[in-house]
PDB file of N, CA and C in Angstrom:
ATOM      1  N   MET A   1      45.868  70.218 -48.255  1.00  0.00           N
ATOM      2  CA  MET A   1      46.546  71.497 -48.357  1.00  0.00           C
ATOM      3  C   MET A   1      47.295  71.593 -49.691  1.00  0.00           C
ATOM      4  N   SER A   2      47.998  70.527 -50.068  1.00  0.00           N
ATOM      5  CA  SER A   2      48.761  70.594 -51.315  1.00  0.00           C
ATOM      6  C   SER A   2      47.850  70.706 -52.532  1.00  0.00           C
ATOM      7  N   ASP A   3      46.664  70.116 -52.463  1.00  0.00           N
ATOM      8  CA  ASP A   3      45.717  70.225 -53.577  1.00  0.00           C
ATOM      9  C   ASP A   3      45.242  71.664 -53.762  1.00  0.00           C
ATOM     10  N   ARG A   4      45.024  72.357 -52.669  1.00  0.00           N
ATOM     11  CA  ARG A   4      44.548  73.736 -52.757  1.00  0.00           C
ATOM     12  C   ARG A   4      45.654  74.686 -53.206  1.00  0.00           C
ATOM     13  N   MET A   5      46.882  74.424 -52.804  1.00  0.00           N
ATOM     14  CA  MET A   5      47.994  75.319 -53.137  1.00  0.00           C
ATOM     15  C   MET A   5      48.521  75.088 -54.551  1.00  0.00           C
ATOM     16  N   ASP A   6      48.513  73.830 -55.012  1.00  0.00           N
ATOM     17  CA  ASP A   6      49.002  73.465 -56.339  1.00  0.00           C
ATOM     18  C   ASP A   6      50.409  74.008 -56.586  1.00  0.00           C
ATOM     19  N   MET A   7      51.276  73.775 -55.625  1.00  0.00           N
ATOM     20  CA  MET A   7      52.676  74.185 -55.734  1.00  0.00           C
ATOM     21  C   MET A   7      53.545  72.997 -55.365  1.00  0.00           C
ATOM     22  N   ARG A   8      54.569  72.740 -56.164  1.00  0.00           N
ATOM     23  CA  ARG A   8      55.411  71.566 -55.935  1.00  0.00           C
ATOM     24  C   ARG A   8      56.048  71.533 -54.549  1.00  0.00           C
ATOM     25  N   PRO A   9      56.625  72.618 -54.051  1.00  0.00           N
ATOM     26  CA  PRO A   9      57.235  72.552 -52.719  1.00  0.00           C
ATOM     27  C   PRO A   9      56.227  72.212 -51.615  1.00  0.00           C
ATOM     28  N   VAL A  10      55.020  72.730 -51.729  1.00  0.00           N
ATOM     29  CA  VAL A  10      53.994  72.439 -50.729  1.00  0.00           C
ATOM     30  C   VAL A  10      53.568  70.977 -50.845  1.00  0.00           C
ATOM     31  N   SER A  11      53.406  70.498 -52.060  1.00  0.00           N
ATOM     32  CA  SER A  11      53.054  69.098 -52.269  1.00  0.00           C
ATOM     33  C   SER A  11      54.121  68.172 -51.706  1.00  0.00           C
ATOM     34  N   SER A  12      55.361  68.516 -51.930  1.00  0.00           N
ATOM     35  CA  SER A  12      56.471  67.711 -51.424  1.00  0.00           C
ATOM     36  C   SER A  12      56.483  67.688 -49.898  1.00  0.00           C
ATOM     37  N   PHE A  13      56.275  68.848 -49.302  1.00  0.00           N
ATOM     38  CA  PHE A  13      56.264  68.955 -47.844  1.00  0.00           C
ATOM     39  C   PHE A  13      55.128  68.147 -47.234  1.00  0.00           C
ATOM     40  N   THR A  14      53.927  68.326 -47.765  1.00  0.00           N
ATOM     41  CA  THR A  14      52.787  67.595 -47.207  1.00  0.00           C
ATOM     42  C   THR A  14      52.923  66.093 -47.453  1.00  0.00           C
ATOM     43  N   GLY A  15      53.497  65.721 -48.590  1.00  0.00           N
ATOM     44  CA  GLY A  15      53.738  64.307 -48.862  1.00  0.00           C
ATOM     45  C   GLY A  15      54.702  63.697 -47.858  1.00  0.00           C
ATOM     46  N   THR A  16      55.723  64.463 -47.489  1.00  0.00           N
ATOM     47  CA  THR A  16      56.681  64.002 -46.486  1.00  0.00           C
ATOM     48  C   THR A  16      55.997  63.814 -45.138  1.00  0.00           C
ATOM     49  N   LEU A  17      55.146  64.751 -44.766  1.00  0.00           N
ATOM     50  CA  LEU A  17      54.425  64.631 -43.499  1.00  0.00           C
ATOM     51  C   LEU A  17      53.520  63.397 -43.482  1.00  0.00           C
ATOM     52  N   ILE A  18      52.797  63.188 -44.568  1.00  0.00           N
ATOM     53  CA  ILE A  18      51.879  62.052 -44.647  1.00  0.00           C
ATOM     54  C   ILE A  18      52.643  60.737 -44.609  1.00  0.00           C
ATOM     55  N   GLN A  19      53.720  60.647 -45.380  1.00  0.00           N
ATOM     56  CA  GLN A  19      54.498  59.415 -45.427  1.00  0.00           C
ATOM     57  C   GLN A  19      55.120  59.101 -44.071  1.00  0.00           C
ATOM     58  N   ALA A  20      55.679  60.096 -43.414  1.00  0.00           N
ATOM     59  CA  ALA A  20      56.267  59.874 -42.092  1.00  0.00           C
ATOM     60  C   ALA A  20      55.210  59.399 -41.107  1.00  0.00           C
ATOM     61  N   ASP A  21      54.023  59.973 -41.190  1.00  0.00           N
ATOM     62  CA  ASP A  21      52.946  59.567 -40.291  1.00  0.00           C
ATOM     63  C   ASP A  21      52.516  58.128 -40.556  1.00  0.00           C
ATOM     64  N   ARG A  22      52.341  57.774 -41.814  1.00  0.00           N
ATOM     65  CA  ARG A  22      51.895  56.420 -42.166  1.00  0.00           C
ATOM     66  C   ARG A  22      52.918  55.358 -41.781  1.00  0.00           C
ATOM     67  N   LEU A  23      54.200  55.699 -41.877  1.00  0.00           N
ATOM     68  CA  LEU A  23      55.254  54.740 -41.561  1.00  0.00           C
ATOM     69  C   LEU A  23      55.683  54.817 -40.100  1.00  0.00           C
ATOM     70  N   SER A  24      55.047  55.690 -39.347  1.00  0.00           N
ATOM     71  CA  SER A  24      55.423  55.930 -37.947  1.00  0.00           C
ATOM     72  C   SER A  24      56.907  56.277 -37.831  1.00  0.00           C
ATOM     73  N   ALA A  25      57.370  57.011 -38.810  1.00  0.00           N
ATOM     74  CA  ALA A  25      58.775  57.417 -38.849  1.00  0.00           C
ATOM     75  C   ALA A  25      58.955  58.722 -38.085  1.00  0.00           C
ATOM     76  N   SER A  26      60.186  58.996 -37.756  1.00  0.00           N
ATOM     77  CA  SER A  26      60.517  60.237 -37.071  1.00  0.00           C
ATOM     78  C   SER A  26      60.301  61.413 -38.022  1.00  0.00           C
ATOM     79  N   LEU A  27      59.479  62.341 -37.623  1.00  0.00           N
ATOM     80  CA  LEU A  27      59.229  63.516 -38.447  1.00  0.00           C
ATOM     81  C   LEU A  27      60.508  64.330 -38.607  1.00  0.00           C
ATOM     82  N   ASP A  28      61.287  64.401 -37.556  1.00  0.00           N
ATOM     83  CA  ASP A  28      62.563  65.114 -37.591  1.00  0.00           C
ATOM     84  C   ASP A  28      63.467  64.563 -38.695  1.00  0.00           C
ATOM     85  N   LEU A  29      63.632  63.251 -38.734  1.00  0.00           N
ATOM     86  CA  LEU A  29      64.502  62.638 -39.749  1.00  0.00           C
ATOM     87  C   LEU A  29      63.943  62.819 -41.151  1.00  0.00           C
ATOM     88  N   ALA A  30      62.634  62.697 -41.291  1.00  0.00           N
ATOM     89  CA  ALA A  30      62.016  62.858 -42.606  1.00  0.00           C
ATOM     90  C   ALA A  30      62.212  64.274 -43.141  1.00  0.00           C
ATOM     91  N   LEU A  31      62.023  65.263 -42.284  1.00  0.00           N
ATOM     92  CA  LEU A  31      62.189  66.659 -42.723  1.00  0.00           C
ATOM     93  C   LEU A  31      63.648  67.002 -42.987  1.00  0.00           C
ATOM     94  N   ARG A  32      64.556  66.424 -42.208  1.00  0.00           N
ATOM     95  CA  ARG A  32      65.986  66.647 -42.470  1.00  0.00           C
ATOM     96  C   ARG A  32      66.399  66.061 -43.822  1.00  0.00           C
ATOM     97  N   ALA A  33      65.882  64.877 -44.125  1.00  0.00           N
ATOM     98  CA  ALA A  33      66.182  64.249 -45.415  1.00  0.00           C
ATOM     99  C   ALA A  33      65.646  65.100 -46.559  1.00  0.00           C
ATOM    100  N   GLN A  34      64.437  65.613 -46.389  1.00  0.00           N
ATOM    101  CA  GLN A  34      63.853  66.468 -47.421  1.00  0.00           C
ATOM    102  C   GLN A  34      64.671  67.748 -47.580  1.00  0.00           C
ATOM    103  N   ALA A  35      65.085  68.328 -46.484  1.00  0.00           N
ATOM    104  CA  ALA A  35      65.861  69.569 -46.538  1.00  0.00           C
ATOM    105  C   ALA A  35      67.219  69.360 -47.201  1.00  0.00           C
ATOM    106  N   SER A  36      67.797  68.192 -47.013  1.00  0.00           N
ATOM    107  CA  SER A  36      69.105  67.939 -47.630  1.00  0.00           C
ATOM    108  C   SER A  36      68.989  67.819 -49.138  1.00  0.00           C
ATOM    109  N   GLN A  37      67.808  67.486 -49.646  1.00  0.00           N
ATOM    110  CA  GLN A  37      67.590  67.386 -51.084  1.00  0.00           C
ATOM    111  C   GLN A  37      67.277  68.735 -51.724  1.00  0.00           C
ATOM    112  N   ARG A  38      66.919  69.692 -50.937  1.00  0.00           N
ATOM    113  CA  ARG A  38      66.515  71.004 -51.459  1.00  0.00           C
ATOM    114  C   ARG A  38      67.600  71.689 -52.299  1.00  0.00           C
ATOM    115  N   PRO A  39      68.866  71.748 -51.842  1.00  0.00           N
ATOM    116  CA  PRO A  39      69.885  72.400 -52.676  1.00  0.00           C
ATOM    117  C   PRO A  39      70.077  71.697 -54.022  1.00  0.00           C
ATOM    118  N   VAL A  40      69.922  70.393 -54.047  1.00  0.00           N
ATOM    119  CA  VAL A  40      70.047  69.646 -55.294  1.00  0.00           C
ATOM    120  C   VAL A  40      68.940  70.058 -56.256  1.00  0.00           C
ATOM    121  N   ARG A  41      67.730  70.153 -55.761  1.00  0.00           N
ATOM    122  CA  ARG A  41      66.604  70.575 -56.609  1.00  0.00           C
ATOM    123  C   ARG A  41      66.788  72.003 -57.096  1.00  0.00           C
ATOM    124  N   ASN A  42      67.248  72.889 -56.214  1.00  0.00           N
ATOM    125  CA  ASN A  42      67.440  74.286 -56.607  1.00  0.00           C
ATOM    126  C   ASN A  42      68.467  74.399 -57.721  1.00  0.00           C
ATOM    127  N   ALA A  43      69.564  73.664 -57.614  1.00  0.00           N
ATOM    128  CA  ALA A  43      70.604  73.710 -58.643  1.00  0.00           C
ATOM    129  C   ALA A  43      70.079  73.161 -59.964  1.00  0.00           C
ATOM    130  N   SER A  44      69.302  72.102 -59.888  1.00  0.00           N
ATOM    131  CA  SER A  44      68.728  71.494 -61.086  1.00  0.00           C
ATOM    132  C   SER A  44      67.785  72.466 -61.786  1.00  0.00           C
ATOM    133  N   CYS A  45      66.950  73.139 -61.028  1.00  0.00           N
ATOM    134  CA  CYS A  45      66.012  74.116 -61.605  1.00  0.00           C
ATOM    135  C   CYS A  45      66.762  75.291 -62.218  1.00  0.00           C
ATOM    136  N   ALA A  46      67.809  75.728 -61.565  1.00  0.00           N
ATOM    137  CA  ALA A  46      68.599  76.852 -62.079  1.00  0.00           C
ATOM    138  C   ALA A  46      69.249  76.487 -63.417  1.00  0.00           C
ATOM    139  N   ARG A  47      69.756  75.255 -63.537  1.00  0.00           N
ATOM    140  CA  ARG A  47      70.361  74.823 -64.802  1.00  0.00           C
ATOM    141  C   ARG A  47      69.316  74.783 -65.914  1.00  0.00           C
ATOM    142  N   ARG A  48      68.127  74.279 -65.594  1.00  0.00           N
ATOM    143  CA  ARG A  48      67.070  74.216 -66.604  1.00  0.00           C
ATOM    144  C   ARG A  48      66.667  75.611 -67.070  1.00  0.00           C
ATOM    145  N   ARG A  49      66.547  76.540 -66.138  1.00  0.00           N
ATOM    146  CA  ARG A  49      66.186  77.920 -66.506  1.00  0.00           C
ATOM    147  C   ARG A  49      67.280  78.546 -67.353  1.00  0.00           C
ATOM    148  N   SER A  50      68.525  78.278 -67.015  1.00  0.00           N
ATOM    149  CA  SER A  50      69.649  78.819 -67.758  1.00  0.00           C
ATOM    150  C   SER A  50      69.642  78.303 -69.199  1.00  0.00           C
ATOM    151  N   ARG A  51      69.386  77.024 -69.363  1.00  0.00           N
ATOM    152  CA  ARG A  51      69.342  76.435 -70.710  1.00  0.00           C
ATOM    153  C   ARG A  51      68.197  77.007 -71.534  1.00  0.00           C
ATOM    154  N   SER A  52      67.059  77.200 -70.900  1.00  0.00           N
ATOM    155  CA  SER A  52      65.904  77.701 -71.659  1.00  0.00           C
ATOM    156  C   SER A  52      66.100  79.155 -72.075  1.00  0.00           C
ATOM    157  N   LYS A  53      66.853  79.923 -71.326  1.00  0.00           N
ATOM    158  CA  LYS A  53      67.113  81.324 -71.695  1.00  0.00           C
ATOM    159  C   LYS A  53      68.047  81.417 -72.892  1.00  0.00           C
ATOM    160  N   ARG A  54      68.956  80.435 -73.037  1.00  0.00           N
ATOM    161  CA  ARG A  54      69.901  80.453 -74.140  1.00  0.00           C
ATOM    162  C   ARG A  54      69.254  80.109 -75.482  1.00  0.00           C
ATOM    163  N   ARG A  55      68.139  79.445 -75.450  1.00  0.00           N
ATOM    164  CA  ARG A  55      67.487  79.008 -76.702  1.00  0.00           C
ATOM    165  C   ARG A  55      66.702  80.081 -77.327  1.00  0.00           C
TER     166      ARG A  55
END
């Protein structure tokens, strides 16, 4: 799915699903961990866009 979509968020999501499955980890915990990182990524992307607009 991530190969067909070629979008980072989709790749990240499918990677989390695959990794949780391979490690027999709780899908709930894996998705919660991924979701907690989302605001950090959003802030980082916003800063990069802000810097590129100033140049």
